[in-house]
Amino acid sequence: MVTVTGYQERTSNDGKIYFALELQSDELEFVVSKKTGRHYATVRRCFMSSTFNEHVCKVMIGKTIQGSVSKVECEAYSFTIEETGEEITRYHRYEYAPVETQDMEQVIQGSKSEVAV
Protein backbone atom coordinates (compact mmCIF):
# COMPACT_ATOMS: atom_id res chain seq x y z
CA MET A 1 0.00 0.00 0.00
CA VAL A 2 1.01 3.59 -0.58
CA THR A 3 -0.35 6.70 1.07
CA VAL A 4 -0.84 10.12 -0.49
CA THR A 5 1.20 12.34 1.84
CA GLY A 6 1.26 15.63 -0.06
CA TYR A 7 1.38 17.31 -3.45
CA GLN A 8 3.43 19.84 -5.41
CA GLU A 9 2.49 22.43 -7.96
CA ARG A 10 4.63 22.01 -11.07
CA THR A 11 5.03 23.63 -14.47
CA SER A 12 5.14 21.54 -17.66
CA ASN A 13 7.60 22.20 -20.49
CA ASP A 14 4.91 24.16 -22.32
CA GLY A 15 4.28 26.39 -19.28
CA LYS A 16 1.05 24.81 -18.01
CA ILE A 17 0.53 24.37 -14.26
CA TYR A 18 -0.31 20.89 -12.93
CA PHE A 19 -0.17 19.05 -9.61
CA ALA A 20 1.82 15.95 -8.69
CA LEU A 21 0.77 13.76 -5.76
CA GLU A 22 3.44 12.63 -3.29
CA LEU A 23 3.13 8.89 -2.63
CA GLN A 24 4.85 7.14 0.29
CA SER A 25 5.23 3.38 0.72
CA ASP A 26 4.29 1.63 3.95
CA GLU A 27 7.28 -0.71 3.68
CA LEU A 28 10.08 0.08 6.14
CA GLU A 29 13.52 -0.12 4.54
CA PHE A 30 16.96 -0.10 6.20
CA VAL A 31 19.78 1.60 4.32
CA VAL A 32 23.49 2.06 5.05
CA SER A 33 24.78 5.60 4.72
CA LYS A 34 27.70 5.82 2.30
CA LYS A 35 29.04 8.80 4.25
CA THR A 36 28.85 7.48 7.84
CA GLY A 37 28.48 3.70 7.33
CA ARG A 38 25.58 3.68 9.81
CA HIS A 39 22.14 2.17 9.21
CA TYR A 40 19.02 4.29 9.06
CA ALA A 41 15.34 3.57 8.50
CA THR A 42 13.43 5.07 5.61
CA VAL A 43 10.45 4.55 3.34
CA ARG A 44 10.32 5.02 -0.41
CA ARG A 45 8.44 7.95 -1.88
CA CYS A 46 7.75 9.31 -5.32
CA PHE A 47 5.64 11.88 -7.12
CA MET A 48 2.92 11.03 -9.64
CA SER A 49 1.52 13.59 -12.07
CA SER A 50 -2.23 14.12 -11.87
CA THR A 51 -5.08 15.89 -13.60
CA PHE A 52 -6.40 17.10 -10.22
CA ASN A 53 -6.80 20.70 -9.19
CA GLU A 54 -5.33 21.85 -5.87
CA HIS A 55 -8.57 21.29 -3.94
CA VAL A 56 -8.78 17.63 -5.01
CA CYS A 57 -5.09 17.13 -4.15
CA LYS A 58 -5.74 18.41 -0.61
CA VAL A 59 -8.69 15.99 -0.27
CA MET A 60 -6.51 13.07 -1.46
CA ILE A 61 -3.94 13.51 1.36
CA GLY A 62 -4.20 10.51 3.69
CA LYS A 63 -5.84 8.23 1.11
CA THR A 64 -4.25 4.81 0.59
CA ILE A 65 -3.81 3.09 -2.77
CA GLN A 66 -2.92 -0.51 -3.55
CA GLY A 67 0.57 -0.82 -4.97
CA SER A 68 4.11 0.06 -4.00
CA VAL A 69 6.93 2.47 -4.73
CA SER A 70 9.56 0.70 -6.84
CA LYS A 71 13.21 1.52 -7.48
CA VAL A 72 13.81 1.85 -11.25
CA GLU A 73 17.19 2.25 -12.97
CA CYS A 74 17.68 5.39 -15.06
CA GLU A 75 20.39 7.61 -16.52
CA ALA A 76 22.69 9.18 -13.93
CA TYR A 77 21.60 12.51 -12.46
CA SER A 78 22.93 14.71 -9.68
CA PHE A 79 21.06 16.64 -7.03
CA THR A 80 21.73 18.38 -3.73
CA ILE A 81 20.30 17.12 -0.45
CA GLU A 82 18.58 20.18 1.05
CA GLU A 83 19.26 19.27 4.68
CA THR A 84 23.03 18.72 4.29
CA GLY A 85 23.99 20.57 1.13
CA GLU A 86 25.69 17.37 -0.09
CA GLU A 87 25.59 16.78 -3.85
CA ILE A 88 25.07 13.15 -4.85
CA THR A 89 24.69 11.22 -8.09
CA ARG A 90 21.96 8.63 -8.47
CA TYR A 91 21.35 5.95 -11.07
CA HIS A 92 17.75 5.21 -10.08
CA ARG A 93 14.43 6.89 -9.42
CA TYR A 94 11.34 5.79 -7.54
CA GLU A 95 7.94 5.37 -9.19
CA TYR A 96 4.51 4.03 -8.35
CA ALA A 97 3.89 0.39 -9.30
CA PRO A 98 0.36 -1.05 -9.17
CA VAL A 99 -0.14 -4.42 -7.46
CA GLU A 100 -0.90 -6.19 -10.72
CA THR A 101 0.23 -5.39 -14.24
CA GLN A 102 -3.30 -5.01 -15.53
CA ASP A 103 -4.68 -2.05 -17.45
CA MET A 104 -5.04 0.99 -15.15
CA GLU A 105 -8.67 1.48 -16.30
CA GLN A 106 -9.43 -1.98 -14.90
CA VAL A 107 -7.76 -1.08 -11.59
CA ILE A 108 -9.85 2.09 -11.30
CA GLN A 109 -13.14 0.93 -12.81
CA GLY A 110 -13.04 -2.81 -12.11
CA SER A 111 -12.88 -5.61 -14.64
CA LYS A 112 -15.56 -5.80 -17.33
CA SER A 113 -17.00 -8.95 -15.77
CA GLU A 114 -17.74 -7.00 -12.57
CA VAL A 115 -19.71 -4.27 -14.36
CA ALA A 116 -23.48 -4.82 -14.42
CA VAL A 117 -24.98 -4.72 -17.90
C-alpha atoms as a PDB file:
ATOM      1  CA  MET A   1       0.000   0.000   0.000  1.00  0.00           C
ATOM      2  CA  VAL A   2       1.007   3.586  -0.579  1.00  0.00           C
ATOM      3  CA  THR A   3      -0.345   6.704   1.072  1.00  0.00           C
ATOM      4  CA  VAL A   4      -0.836  10.119  -0.486  1.00  0.00           C
ATOM      5  CA  THR A   5       1.202  12.345   1.842  1.00  0.00           C
ATOM      6  CA  GLY A   6       1.257  15.631  -0.064  1.00  0.00           C
ATOM      7  CA  TYR A   7       1.384  17.313  -3.447  1.00  0.00           C
ATOM      8  CA  GLN A   8       3.431  19.836  -5.405  1.00  0.00           C
ATOM      9  CA  GLU A   9       2.492  22.434  -7.958  1.00  0.00           C
ATOM     10  CA  ARG A  10       4.635  22.015 -11.066  1.00  0.00           C
ATOM     11  CA  THR A  11       5.026  23.630 -14.473  1.00  0.00           C
ATOM     12  CA  SER A  12       5.142  21.537 -17.657  1.00  0.00           C
ATOM     13  CA  ASN A  13       7.603  22.200 -20.489  1.00  0.00           C
ATOM     14  CA  ASP A  14       4.910  24.158 -22.318  1.00  0.00           C
ATOM     15  CA  GLY A  15       4.284  26.394 -19.276  1.00  0.00           C
ATOM     16  CA  LYS A  16       1.053  24.809 -18.010  1.00  0.00           C
ATOM     17  CA  ILE A  17       0.528  24.370 -14.262  1.00  0.00           C
ATOM     18  CA  TYR A  18      -0.312  20.886 -12.933  1.00  0.00           C
ATOM     19  CA  PHE A  19      -0.168  19.051  -9.613  1.00  0.00           C
ATOM     20  CA  ALA A  20       1.824  15.952  -8.688  1.00  0.00           C
ATOM     21  CA  LEU A  21       0.771  13.762  -5.757  1.00  0.00           C
ATOM     22  CA  GLU A  22       3.438  12.635  -3.295  1.00  0.00           C
ATOM     23  CA  LEU A  23       3.133   8.889  -2.632  1.00  0.00           C
ATOM     24  CA  GLN A  24       4.845   7.139   0.286  1.00  0.00           C
ATOM     25  CA  SER A  25       5.232   3.379   0.718  1.00  0.00           C
ATOM     26  CA  ASP A  26       4.290   1.630   3.955  1.00  0.00           C
ATOM     27  CA  GLU A  27       7.282  -0.711   3.677  1.00  0.00           C
ATOM     28  CA  LEU A  28      10.079   0.075   6.136  1.00  0.00           C
ATOM     29  CA  GLU A  29      13.520  -0.118   4.543  1.00  0.00           C
ATOM     30  CA  PHE A  30      16.955  -0.103   6.196  1.00  0.00           C
ATOM     31  CA  VAL A  31      19.782   1.602   4.315  1.00  0.00           C
ATOM     32  CA  VAL A  32      23.486   2.056   5.049  1.00  0.00           C
ATOM     33  CA  SER A  33      24.781   5.601   4.724  1.00  0.00           C
ATOM     34  CA  LYS A  34      27.703   5.821   2.300  1.00  0.00           C
ATOM     35  CA  LYS A  35      29.037   8.802   4.249  1.00  0.00           C
ATOM     36  CA  THR A  36      28.846   7.481   7.838  1.00  0.00           C
ATOM     37  CA  GLY A  37      28.484   3.704   7.334  1.00  0.00           C
ATOM     38  CA  ARG A  38      25.584   3.681   9.809  1.00  0.00           C
ATOM     39  CA  HIS A  39      22.144   2.170   9.208  1.00  0.00           C
ATOM     40  CA  TYR A  40      19.024   4.291   9.059  1.00  0.00           C
ATOM     41  CA  ALA A  41      15.338   3.569   8.501  1.00  0.00           C
ATOM     42  CA  THR A  42      13.431   5.066   5.610  1.00  0.00           C
ATOM     43  CA  VAL A  43      10.448   4.552   3.337  1.00  0.00           C
ATOM     44  CA  ARG A  44      10.320   5.020  -0.408  1.00  0.00           C
ATOM     45  CA  ARG A  45       8.438   7.953  -1.876  1.00  0.00           C
ATOM     46  CA  CYS A  46       7.753   9.313  -5.317  1.00  0.00           C
ATOM     47  CA  PHE A  47       5.641  11.876  -7.117  1.00  0.00           C
ATOM     48  CA  MET A  48       2.917  11.031  -9.638  1.00  0.00           C
ATOM     49  CA  SER A  49       1.518  13.590 -12.073  1.00  0.00           C
ATOM     50  CA  SER A  50      -2.226  14.118 -11.867  1.00  0.00           C
ATOM     51  CA  THR A  51      -5.077  15.888 -13.601  1.00  0.00           C
ATOM     52  CA  PHE A  52      -6.396  17.096 -10.221  1.00  0.00           C
ATOM     53  CA  ASN A  53      -6.799  20.696  -9.191  1.00  0.00           C
ATOM     54  CA  GLU A  54      -5.328  21.851  -5.866  1.00  0.00           C
ATOM     55  CA  HIS A  55      -8.566  21.290  -3.942  1.00  0.00           C
ATOM     56  CA  VAL A  56      -8.782  17.633  -5.008  1.00  0.00           C
ATOM     57  CA  CYS A  57      -5.085  17.135  -4.150  1.00  0.00           C
ATOM     58  CA  LYS A  58      -5.741  18.411  -0.612  1.00  0.00           C
ATOM     59  CA  VAL A  59      -8.687  15.986  -0.267  1.00  0.00           C
ATOM     60  CA  MET A  60      -6.505  13.070  -1.458  1.00  0.00           C
ATOM     61  CA  ILE A  61      -3.938  13.513   1.356  1.00  0.00           C
ATOM     62  CA  GLY A  62      -4.196  10.513   3.687  1.00  0.00           C
ATOM     63  CA  LYS A  63      -5.840   8.226   1.109  1.00  0.00           C
ATOM     64  CA  THR A  64      -4.249   4.811   0.592  1.00  0.00           C
ATOM     65  CA  ILE A  65      -3.812   3.091  -2.771  1.00  0.00           C
ATOM     66  CA  GLN A  66      -2.920  -0.508  -3.548  1.00  0.00           C
ATOM     67  CA  GLY A  67       0.569  -0.818  -4.966  1.00  0.00           C
ATOM     68  CA  SER A  68       4.108   0.059  -3.995  1.00  0.00           C
ATOM     69  CA  VAL A  69       6.933   2.473  -4.735  1.00  0.00           C
ATOM     70  CA  SER A  70       9.563   0.703  -6.842  1.00  0.00           C
ATOM     71  CA  LYS A  71      13.207   1.517  -7.477  1.00  0.00           C
ATOM     72  CA  VAL A  72      13.812   1.852 -11.252  1.00  0.00           C
ATOM     73  CA  GLU A  73      17.195   2.247 -12.970  1.00  0.00           C
ATOM     74  CA  CYS A  74      17.681   5.387 -15.060  1.00  0.00           C
ATOM     75  CA  GLU A  75      20.386   7.613 -16.523  1.00  0.00           C
ATOM     76  CA  ALA A  76      22.685   9.179 -13.927  1.00  0.00           C
ATOM     77  CA  TYR A  77      21.598  12.513 -12.459  1.00  0.00           C
ATOM     78  CA  SER A  78      22.927  14.714  -9.677  1.00  0.00           C
ATOM     79  CA  PHE A  79      21.061  16.637  -7.026  1.00  0.00           C
ATOM     80  CA  THR A  80      21.733  18.383  -3.730  1.00  0.00           C
ATOM     81  CA  ILE A  81      20.299  17.123  -0.445  1.00  0.00           C
ATOM     82  CA  GLU A  82      18.579  20.178   1.047  1.00  0.00           C
ATOM     83  CA  GLU A  83      19.259  19.269   4.679  1.00  0.00           C
ATOM     84  CA  THR A  84      23.027  18.720   4.295  1.00  0.00           C
ATOM     85  CA  GLY A  85      23.988  20.573   1.126  1.00  0.00           C
ATOM     86  CA  GLU A  86      25.691  17.374  -0.088  1.00  0.00           C
ATOM     87  CA  GLU A  87      25.589  16.777  -3.852  1.00  0.00           C
ATOM     88  CA  ILE A  88      25.070  13.150  -4.847  1.00  0.00           C
ATOM     89  CA  THR A  89      24.690  11.223  -8.090  1.00  0.00           C
ATOM     90  CA  ARG A  90      21.956   8.629  -8.475  1.00  0.00           C
ATOM     91  CA  TYR A  91      21.346   5.953 -11.070  1.00  0.00           C
ATOM     92  CA  HIS A  92      17.750   5.206 -10.081  1.00  0.00           C
ATOM     93  CA  ARG A  93      14.430   6.887  -9.415  1.00  0.00           C
ATOM     94  CA  TYR A  94      11.336   5.793  -7.542  1.00  0.00           C
ATOM     95  CA  GLU A  95       7.945   5.369  -9.193  1.00  0.00           C
ATOM     96  CA  TYR A  96       4.506   4.035  -8.347  1.00  0.00           C
ATOM     97  CA  ALA A  97       3.887   0.388  -9.303  1.00  0.00           C
ATOM     98  CA  PRO A  98       0.361  -1.052  -9.173  1.00  0.00           C
ATOM     99  CA  VAL A  99      -0.136  -4.419  -7.457  1.00  0.00           C
ATOM    100  CA  GLU A 100      -0.900  -6.186 -10.724  1.00  0.00           C
ATOM    101  CA  THR A 101       0.235  -5.394 -14.237  1.00  0.00           C
ATOM    102  CA  GLN A 102      -3.297  -5.007 -15.530  1.00  0.00           C
ATOM    103  CA  ASP A 103      -4.677  -2.047 -17.446  1.00  0.00           C
ATOM    104  CA  MET A 104      -5.040   0.991 -15.146  1.00  0.00           C
ATOM    105  CA  GLU A 105      -8.667   1.477 -16.301  1.00  0.00           C
ATOM    106  CA  GLN A 106      -9.430  -1.983 -14.901  1.00  0.00           C
ATOM    107  CA  VAL A 107      -7.763  -1.079 -11.593  1.00  0.00           C
ATOM    108  CA  ILE A 108      -9.853   2.089 -11.300  1.00  0.00           C
ATOM    109  CA  GLN A 109     -13.144   0.932 -12.814  1.00  0.00           C
ATOM    110  CA  GLY A 110     -13.041  -2.813 -12.111  1.00  0.00           C
ATOM    111  CA  SER A 111     -12.881  -5.614 -14.643  1.00  0.00           C
ATOM    112  CA  LYS A 112     -15.561  -5.804 -17.329  1.00  0.00           C
ATOM    113  CA  SER A 113     -17.001  -8.948 -15.774  1.00  0.00           C
ATOM    114  CA  GLU A 114     -17.743  -7.000 -12.569  1.00  0.00           C
ATOM    115  CA  VAL A 115     -19.709  -4.269 -14.361  1.00  0.00           C
ATOM    116  CA  ALA A 116     -23.476  -4.824 -14.417  1.00  0.00           C
ATOM    117  CA  VAL A 117     -24.978  -4.718 -17.898  1.00  0.00           C
END
